PDB file of all heavy atoms in Angstrom:
ATOM      1  N   SER A   1     110.021 115.436 108.092  1.00  0.00           N
ATOM      2  CA  SER A   1     111.464 115.395 108.149  1.00  0.00           C
ATOM      3  C   SER A   1     111.962 114.497 109.276  1.00  0.00           C
ATOM      4  O   SER A   1     113.004 113.862 109.145  1.00  0.00           O
ATOM      5  CB  SER A   1     112.031 116.799 108.315  1.00  0.00           C
ATOM      6  OG  SER A   1     111.522 117.379 109.493  1.00  0.00           O
ATOM      7  N   LEU A   2     111.199 114.394 110.351  1.00  0.00           N
ATOM      8  CA  LEU A   2     111.555 113.475 111.446  1.00  0.00           C
ATOM      9  C   LEU A   2     111.110 112.052 111.168  1.00  0.00           C
ATOM     10  O   LEU A   2     111.610 111.121 111.814  1.00  0.00           O
ATOM     11  CB  LEU A   2     110.937 113.958 112.771  1.00  0.00           C
ATOM     12  CG  LEU A   2     111.478 115.296 113.313  1.00  0.00           C
ATOM     13  CD1 LEU A   2     110.771 115.665 114.585  1.00  0.00           C
ATOM     14  CD2 LEU A   2     112.971 115.217 113.552  1.00  0.00           C
ATOM     15  N   GLN A   3     110.184 111.898 110.274  1.00  0.00           N
ATOM     16  CA  GLN A   3     109.721 110.551 109.912  1.00  0.00           C
ATOM     17  C   GLN A   3     110.642 109.911 108.891  1.00  0.00           C
ATOM     18  O   GLN A   3     110.406 108.792 108.479  1.00  0.00           O
ATOM     19  CB  GLN A   3     108.289 110.598 109.365  1.00  0.00           C
ATOM     20  CG  GLN A   3     107.277 111.025 110.390  1.00  0.00           C
ATOM     21  CD  GLN A   3     105.896 111.179 109.789  1.00  0.00           C
ATOM     22  OE1 GLN A   3     105.705 110.999 108.577  1.00  0.00           O
ATOM     23  NE2 GLN A   3     104.915 111.480 110.594  1.00  0.00           N
ATOM     24  N   GLY A   4     111.651 110.608 108.425  1.00  0.00           N
ATOM     25  CA  GLY A   4     112.635 110.022 107.517  1.00  0.00           C
ATOM     26  C   GLY A   4     112.353 110.283 106.014  1.00  0.00           C
ATOM     27  O   GLY A   4     112.943 109.658 105.199  1.00  0.00           O
ATOM     28  N   ARG A   5     111.411 111.166 105.707  1.00  0.00           N
ATOM     29  CA  ARG A   5     111.193 111.471 104.321  1.00  0.00           C
ATOM     30  C   ARG A   5     110.838 112.960 104.172  1.00  0.00           C
ATOM     31  O   ARG A   5     110.528 113.619 105.127  1.00  0.00           O
ATOM     32  CB  ARG A   5     110.066 110.618 103.707  1.00  0.00           C
ATOM     33  CG  ARG A   5     108.699 110.811 104.336  1.00  0.00           C
ATOM     34  CD  ARG A   5     107.722 109.861 103.674  1.00  0.00           C
ATOM     35  NE  ARG A   5     106.381 110.116 104.190  1.00  0.00           N
ATOM     36  CZ  ARG A   5     105.494 110.944 103.625  1.00  0.00           C
ATOM     37  NH1 ARG A   5     105.826 111.610 102.539  1.00  0.00           N
ATOM     38  NH2 ARG A   5     104.334 111.132 104.149  1.00  0.00           N
ATOM     39  N   GLN A   6     110.924 113.442 102.960  1.00  0.00           N
ATOM     40  CA  GLN A   6     110.678 114.846 102.673  1.00  0.00           C
ATOM     41  C   GLN A   6     109.183 115.139 102.640  1.00  0.00           C
ATOM     42  O   GLN A   6     108.389 114.251 102.352  1.00  0.00           O
ATOM     43  CB  GLN A   6     111.266 115.227 101.316  1.00  0.00           C
ATOM     44  CG  GLN A   6     112.732 115.223 101.243  1.00  0.00           C
ATOM     45  CD  GLN A   6     113.172 115.728  99.895  1.00  0.00           C
ATOM     46  OE1 GLN A   6     112.365 116.282  99.146  1.00  0.00           O
ATOM     47  NE2 GLN A   6     114.397 115.523  99.566  1.00  0.00           N
ATOM     48  N   PRO A   7     108.796 116.382 102.898  1.00  0.00           N
ATOM     49  CA  PRO A   7     107.416 116.737 102.692  1.00  0.00           C
ATOM     50  C   PRO A   7     107.077 116.650 101.191  1.00  0.00           C
ATOM     51  O   PRO A   7     107.952 116.873 100.356  1.00  0.00           O
ATOM     52  CB  PRO A   7     107.315 118.191 103.191  1.00  0.00           C
ATOM     53  CG  PRO A   7     108.691 118.677 103.206  1.00  0.00           C
ATOM     54  CD  PRO A   7     109.589 117.489 103.376  1.00  0.00           C
ATOM     55  N   ASN A   8     105.857 116.338 100.878  1.00  0.00           N
ATOM     56  CA  ASN A   8     105.384 116.232  99.484  1.00  0.00           C
ATOM     57  C   ASN A   8     106.208 115.217  98.662  1.00  0.00           C
ATOM     58  O   ASN A   8     106.608 115.531  97.545  1.00  0.00           O
ATOM     59  CB  ASN A   8     105.398 117.590  98.769  1.00  0.00           C
ATOM     60  CG  ASN A   8     104.426 118.545  99.420  1.00  0.00           C
ATOM     61  OD1 ASN A   8     103.401 118.150  99.941  1.00  0.00           O
ATOM     62  ND2 ASN A   8     104.753 119.810  99.349  1.00  0.00           N
ATOM     63  N   SER A   9     106.520 114.069  99.243  1.00  0.00           N
ATOM     64  CA  SER A   9     107.191 113.051  98.502  1.00  0.00           C
ATOM     65  C   SER A   9     106.595 111.661  98.790  1.00  0.00           C
ATOM     66  O   SER A   9     106.051 111.448  99.830  1.00  0.00           O
ATOM     67  CB  SER A   9     108.680 113.031  98.843  1.00  0.00           C
ATOM     68  OG  SER A   9     108.908 112.559 100.145  1.00  0.00           O
ATOM     69  N   ILE A  10     106.737 110.793  97.810  1.00  0.00           N
ATOM     70  CA  ILE A  10     106.235 109.430  97.896  1.00  0.00           C
ATOM     71  C   ILE A  10     107.422 108.507  97.701  1.00  0.00           C
ATOM     72  O   ILE A  10     108.053 108.556  96.633  1.00  0.00           O
ATOM     73  CB  ILE A  10     105.163 109.162  96.832  1.00  0.00           C
ATOM     74  CG1 ILE A  10     104.032 110.159  96.926  1.00  0.00           C
ATOM     75  CG2 ILE A  10     104.637 107.735  96.942  1.00  0.00           C
ATOM     76  CD1 ILE A  10     103.157 110.236  95.727  1.00  0.00           C
ATOM     77  N   PRO A  11     107.815 107.694  98.716  1.00  0.00           N
ATOM     78  CA  PRO A  11     108.982 106.836  98.529  1.00  0.00           C
ATOM     79  C   PRO A  11     108.705 105.762  97.462  1.00  0.00           C
ATOM     80  O   PRO A  11     107.606 105.210  97.402  1.00  0.00           O
ATOM     81  CB  PRO A  11     109.205 106.233  99.910  1.00  0.00           C
ATOM     82  CG  PRO A  11     107.984 106.515 100.680  1.00  0.00           C
ATOM     83  CD  PRO A  11     107.231 107.587 100.003  1.00  0.00           C
ATOM     84  N   ASN A  12     109.708 105.457  96.647  1.00  0.00           N
ATOM     85  CA  ASN A  12     109.596 104.387  95.661  1.00  0.00           C
ATOM     86  C   ASN A  12     109.898 103.065  96.341  1.00  0.00           C
ATOM     87  O   ASN A  12     110.492 103.016  97.416  1.00  0.00           O
ATOM     88  CB  ASN A  12     110.594 104.588  94.540  1.00  0.00           C
ATOM     89  CG  ASN A  12     110.188 105.750  93.657  1.00  0.00           C
ATOM     90  OD1 ASN A  12     109.077 106.228  93.717  1.00  0.00           O
ATOM     91  ND2 ASN A  12     111.128 106.224  92.819  1.00  0.00           N
ATOM     92  N   LYS A  13     109.516 101.972  95.710  1.00  0.00           N
ATOM     93  CA  LYS A  13     109.859 100.664  96.203  1.00  0.00           C
ATOM     94  C   LYS A  13     111.376 100.498  96.217  1.00  0.00           C
ATOM     95  O   LYS A  13     112.067 100.992  95.344  1.00  0.00           O
ATOM     96  CB  LYS A  13     109.227  99.552  95.353  1.00  0.00           C
ATOM     97  CG  LYS A  13     107.748  99.507  95.424  1.00  0.00           C
ATOM     98  CD  LYS A  13     107.185  98.455  94.541  1.00  0.00           C
ATOM     99  CE  LYS A  13     105.648  98.467  94.587  1.00  0.00           C
ATOM    100  NZ  LYS A  13     105.074  97.550  93.633  1.00  0.00           N
ATOM    101  N   LYS A  14     111.889  99.813  97.222  1.00  0.00           N
ATOM    102  CA  LYS A  14     113.323  99.589  97.363  1.00  0.00           C
ATOM    103  C   LYS A  14     113.859  98.768  96.195  1.00  0.00           C
ATOM    104  O   LYS A  14     113.392  97.645  95.977  1.00  0.00           O
ATOM    105  CB  LYS A  14     113.616  98.914  98.685  1.00  0.00           C
ATOM    106  CG  LYS A  14     115.053  98.654  98.945  1.00  0.00           C
ATOM    107  CD  LYS A  14     115.746  99.912  99.400  1.00  0.00           C
ATOM    108  CE  LYS A  14     117.163  99.568  99.823  1.00  0.00           C
ATOM    109  NZ  LYS A  14     118.022 100.644  99.701  1.00  0.00           N
ATOM    110  N   THR A  15     114.795  99.304  95.469  1.00  0.00           N
ATOM    111  CA  THR A  15     115.377  98.568  94.367  1.00  0.00           C
ATOM    112  C   THR A  15     116.896  98.508  94.587  1.00  0.00           C
ATOM    113  O   THR A  15     117.524  99.458  94.998  1.00  0.00           O
ATOM    114  CB  THR A  15     115.146  99.273  92.989  1.00  0.00           C
ATOM    115  OG1 THR A  15     115.612 100.605  93.073  1.00  0.00           O
ATOM    116  CG2 THR A  15     113.659  99.255  92.681  1.00  0.00           C
ATOM    117  N   GLU A  16     117.472  97.373  94.330  1.00  0.00           N
ATOM    118  CA  GLU A  16     118.911  97.158  94.492  1.00  0.00           C
ATOM    119  C   GLU A  16     119.626  97.738  93.247  1.00  0.00           C
ATOM    120  O   GLU A  16     119.246  97.439  92.128  1.00  0.00           O
ATOM    121  CB  GLU A  16     119.185  95.660  94.597  1.00  0.00           C
ATOM    122  CG  GLU A  16     120.630  95.331  94.784  1.00  0.00           C
ATOM    123  CD  GLU A  16     120.998  95.166  96.249  1.00  0.00           C
ATOM    124  OE1 GLU A  16     120.095  95.022  97.080  1.00  0.00           O
ATOM    125  OE2 GLU A  16     122.193  95.206  96.538  1.00  0.00           O
ATOM    126  N   ASP A  17     120.603  98.543  93.480  1.00  0.00           N
ATOM    127  CA  ASP A  17     121.414  99.121  92.390  1.00  0.00           C
ATOM    128  C   ASP A  17     122.755  98.447  92.383  1.00  0.00           C
ATOM    129  O   ASP A  17     123.635  98.768  93.189  1.00  0.00           O
ATOM    130  CB  ASP A  17     121.534 100.618  92.583  1.00  0.00           C
ATOM    131  CG  ASP A  17     122.175 101.307  91.380  1.00  0.00           C
ATOM    132  OD1 ASP A  17     122.403 100.608  90.359  1.00  0.00           O
ATOM    133  OD2 ASP A  17     122.435 102.512  91.454  1.00  0.00           O
ATOM    134  N   PRO A  18     122.984  97.479  91.465  1.00  0.00           N
ATOM    135  CA  PRO A  18     124.263  96.748  91.473  1.00  0.00           C
ATOM    136  C   PRO A  18     125.449  97.623  91.047  1.00  0.00           C
ATOM    137  O   PRO A  18     126.551  97.262  91.383  1.00  0.00           O
ATOM    138  CB  PRO A  18     123.995  95.623  90.447  1.00  0.00           C
ATOM    139  CG  PRO A  18     122.932  96.094  89.594  1.00  0.00           C
ATOM    140  CD  PRO A  18     122.103  97.028  90.422  1.00  0.00           C
ATOM    141  N   VAL A  19     125.204  98.704  90.376  1.00  0.00           N
ATOM    142  CA  VAL A  19     126.317  99.539  89.895  1.00  0.00           C
ATOM    143  C   VAL A  19     126.803 100.471  91.001  1.00  0.00           C
ATOM    144  O   VAL A  19     127.993 100.750  91.104  1.00  0.00           O
ATOM    145  CB  VAL A  19     125.862 100.354  88.654  1.00  0.00           C
ATOM    146  CG1 VAL A  19     126.971 101.254  88.175  1.00  0.00           C
ATOM    147  CG2 VAL A  19     125.434  99.430  87.555  1.00  0.00           C
ATOM    148  N   ALA A  20     125.889 100.977  91.819  1.00  0.00           N
ATOM    149  CA  ALA A  20     126.235 101.985  92.813  1.00  0.00           C
ATOM    150  C   ALA A  20     127.179 101.450  93.897  1.00  0.00           C
ATOM    151  O   ALA A  20     127.956 102.197  94.455  1.00  0.00           O
ATOM    152  CB  ALA A  20     124.986 102.557  93.475  1.00  0.00           C
ATOM    153  N   GLY A  21     127.125 100.167  94.185  1.00  0.00           N
ATOM    154  CA  GLY A  21     128.005  99.614  95.223  1.00  0.00           C
ATOM    155  C   GLY A  21     127.493  99.910  96.590  1.00  0.00           C
ATOM    156  O   GLY A  21     126.421 100.487  96.779  1.00  0.00           O
ATOM    157  N   LYS A  22     128.265  99.560  97.581  1.00  0.00           N
ATOM    158  CA  LYS A  22     127.859  99.741  98.970  1.00  0.00           C
ATOM    159  C   LYS A  22     128.851 100.646  99.672  1.00  0.00           C
ATOM    160  O   LYS A  22     130.059 100.520  99.537  1.00  0.00           O
ATOM    161  CB  LYS A  22     127.844  98.369  99.667  1.00  0.00           C
ATOM    162  CG  LYS A  22     127.212  98.384 101.037  1.00  0.00           C
ATOM    163  CD  LYS A  22     127.082  96.979 101.558  1.00  0.00           C
ATOM    164  CE  LYS A  22     126.333  97.005 102.882  1.00  0.00           C
ATOM    165  NZ  LYS A  22     126.193  95.690 103.437  1.00  0.00           N
ATOM    166  N   VAL A  23     128.295 101.607 100.428  1.00  0.00           N
ATOM    167  CA  VAL A  23     129.147 102.544 101.161  1.00  0.00           C
ATOM    168  C   VAL A  23     129.274 102.036 102.574  1.00  0.00           C
ATOM    169  O   VAL A  23     128.273 101.769 103.246  1.00  0.00           O
ATOM    170  CB  VAL A  23     128.514 103.971 101.134  1.00  0.00           C
ATOM    171  CG1 VAL A  23     129.379 104.919 101.958  1.00  0.00           C
ATOM    172  CG2 VAL A  23     128.390 104.439  99.732  1.00  0.00           C
ATOM    173  N   ASN A  24     130.533 101.901 103.071  1.00  0.00           N
ATOM    174  CA  ASN A  24     130.753 101.360 104.402  1.00  0.00           C
ATOM    175  C   ASN A  24     131.228 102.422 105.388  1.00  0.00           C
ATOM    176  O   ASN A  24     131.719 102.099 106.478  1.00  0.00           O
ATOM    177  CB  ASN A  24     131.785 100.225 104.354  1.00  0.00           C
ATOM    178  CG  ASN A  24     131.175  99.007 103.660  1.00  0.00           C
ATOM    179  OD1 ASN A  24     130.005  98.725 103.825  1.00  0.00           O
ATOM    180  ND2 ASN A  24     131.987  98.301 102.911  1.00  0.00           N
ATOM    181  N   THR A  25     131.174 103.687 105.018  1.00  0.00           N
ATOM    182  CA  THR A  25     131.612 104.770 105.903  1.00  0.00           C
ATOM    183  C   THR A  25     130.650 104.863 107.079  1.00  0.00           C
ATOM    184  O   THR A  25     129.445 104.865 106.887  1.00  0.00           O
ATOM    185  CB  THR A  25     131.656 106.085 105.137  1.00  0.00           C
ATOM    186  OG1 THR A  25     132.414 105.914 103.961  1.00  0.00           O
ATOM    187  CG2 THR A  25     132.237 107.189 105.997  1.00  0.00           C
TER     188      THR A  25
END
């Protein structure tokens, strides 16, 4: 949890989602 990911999870390759847009908050 301190390393930035959940236990028992494998991060996927970073993919750009053109539909989701960018959050600037």
